[in-house]
Amino acid sequence: MPTYVYACKDCEHAFEIVQAFSDDSLTVCPECNGSLRKKFNSVGVVFKGSGFYRTDSRSSSSSTAPAAPAAPAKAPAAAPAKTASSTSA
């Protein structure tokens, strides 16, 4: 059951109360019989399962660690030197 926080508009008395969703909201201050208002707080959210983190959508082949440096490329093999044949004409 959720905990609600109420504050009196007249005497500013604030208190928390645990109520079921089906219960009616409180309207009368227990201290001065003044008018109450419900205060809203931030909600705690817990994400369970996959898909909520940046790393969840990555494939298994990629990782967050930097890759090892690649081996330097080999120089292309030198072509055999052509010899010029001298022909007299």
Protein backbone atom coordinates (compact mmCIF):
# COMPACT_ATOMS: atom_id res chain seq x y z
CA MET A 1 0.00 0.00 0.00
CA PRO A 2 1.33 3.46 -0.83
CA THR A 3 2.23 6.14 1.69
CA TYR A 4 0.60 9.53 1.13
CA VAL A 5 1.69 12.86 2.57
CA TYR A 6 -0.97 15.40 3.56
CA ALA A 7 -0.58 19.01 4.67
CA CYS A 8 -3.17 21.25 6.27
CA LYS A 9 -3.96 24.47 4.40
CA ASP A 10 -4.79 26.26 7.65
CA CYS A 11 -2.23 25.19 10.29
CA GLU A 12 0.34 23.65 7.87
CA HIS A 13 0.46 20.44 9.92
CA ALA A 14 2.01 17.72 7.71
CA PHE A 15 1.79 13.96 8.17
CA GLU A 16 2.12 10.68 6.32
CA ILE A 17 -0.48 7.95 6.17
CA VAL A 18 -0.55 4.52 4.55
CA GLN A 19 -3.72 4.08 2.50
CA ALA A 20 -5.00 1.56 -0.01
CA PHE A 21 -5.69 2.74 -3.54
CA SER A 22 -9.38 2.17 -2.93
CA ASP A 23 -9.47 4.41 0.20
CA ASP A 24 -10.86 7.93 -0.10
CA SER A 25 -8.45 10.85 0.32
CA LEU A 26 -8.44 12.58 3.68
CA THR A 27 -10.05 16.03 3.71
CA VAL A 28 -10.02 17.13 7.38
CA CYS A 29 -6.90 17.93 9.42
CA PRO A 30 -6.69 15.83 12.61
CA GLU A 31 -5.09 18.77 14.49
CA CYS A 32 -7.32 21.76 13.69
CA ASN A 33 -10.17 20.32 11.55
CA GLY A 34 -8.93 22.50 8.69
CA SER A 35 -8.79 21.60 5.00
CA LEU A 36 -6.13 19.13 3.83
CA ARG A 37 -4.23 18.92 0.58
CA LYS A 38 -2.33 15.92 -0.72
CA LYS A 39 1.36 16.53 -1.39
CA PHE A 40 3.04 14.66 -4.23
CA ASN A 41 6.59 13.38 -3.96
CA SER A 42 8.96 11.90 -6.47
CA VAL A 43 8.38 8.26 -7.26
CA GLY A 44 11.05 5.62 -6.82
CA VAL A 45 11.39 3.62 -10.03
CA VAL A 46 13.27 0.35 -10.38
CA PHE A 47 14.01 -0.91 -13.88
CA LYS A 48 14.23 -4.69 -14.03
CA GLY A 49 15.18 -6.83 -16.99
CA SER A 50 17.24 -6.04 -20.03
CA GLY A 51 17.07 -3.08 -22.37
CA PHE A 52 17.53 -0.24 -19.86
CA TYR A 53 21.26 0.21 -20.03
CA ARG A 54 23.47 1.52 -22.82
CA THR A 55 25.34 -1.78 -23.05
CA ASP A 56 22.20 -3.93 -23.36
CA SER A 57 21.66 -3.23 -27.06
CA ARG A 58 25.20 -3.99 -28.15
CA SER A 59 26.05 -7.19 -29.93
CA SER A 60 28.20 -9.76 -28.17
CA SER A 61 31.10 -9.14 -30.57
CA SER A 62 31.62 -5.55 -29.44
CA SER A 63 32.82 -4.60 -26.01
CA THR A 64 33.51 -1.47 -24.02
CA ALA A 65 37.27 -2.20 -23.87
CA PRO A 66 39.34 -0.66 -26.64
CA ALA A 67 40.37 -3.05 -29.39
CA ALA A 68 43.98 -4.22 -29.68
CA PRO A 69 45.97 -2.23 -32.24
CA ALA A 70 46.00 -3.82 -35.67
CA ALA A 71 49.22 -5.24 -37.03
CA PRO A 72 50.90 -2.89 -39.50
CA ALA A 73 50.05 -3.68 -43.11
CA LYS A 74 52.78 -5.37 -45.12
CA ALA A 75 54.29 -3.47 -48.00
CA PRO A 76 53.25 -4.85 -51.39
CA ALA A 77 55.77 -7.22 -52.92
CA ALA A 78 58.08 -5.52 -55.38
CA ALA A 79 57.38 -6.38 -59.00
CA PRO A 80 60.27 -8.07 -60.81
CA ALA A 81 62.35 -5.60 -62.72
CA LYS A 82 61.85 -5.68 -66.47
CA THR A 83 64.91 -5.74 -68.59
CA ALA A 84 64.89 -3.77 -71.72
CA SER A 85 66.05 -5.70 -74.70
CA SER A 86 67.87 -3.67 -77.20
CA THR A 87 67.04 -4.46 -80.76
CA SER A 88 68.64 -2.69 -83.62
CA ALA A 89 66.58 -1.74 -86.52
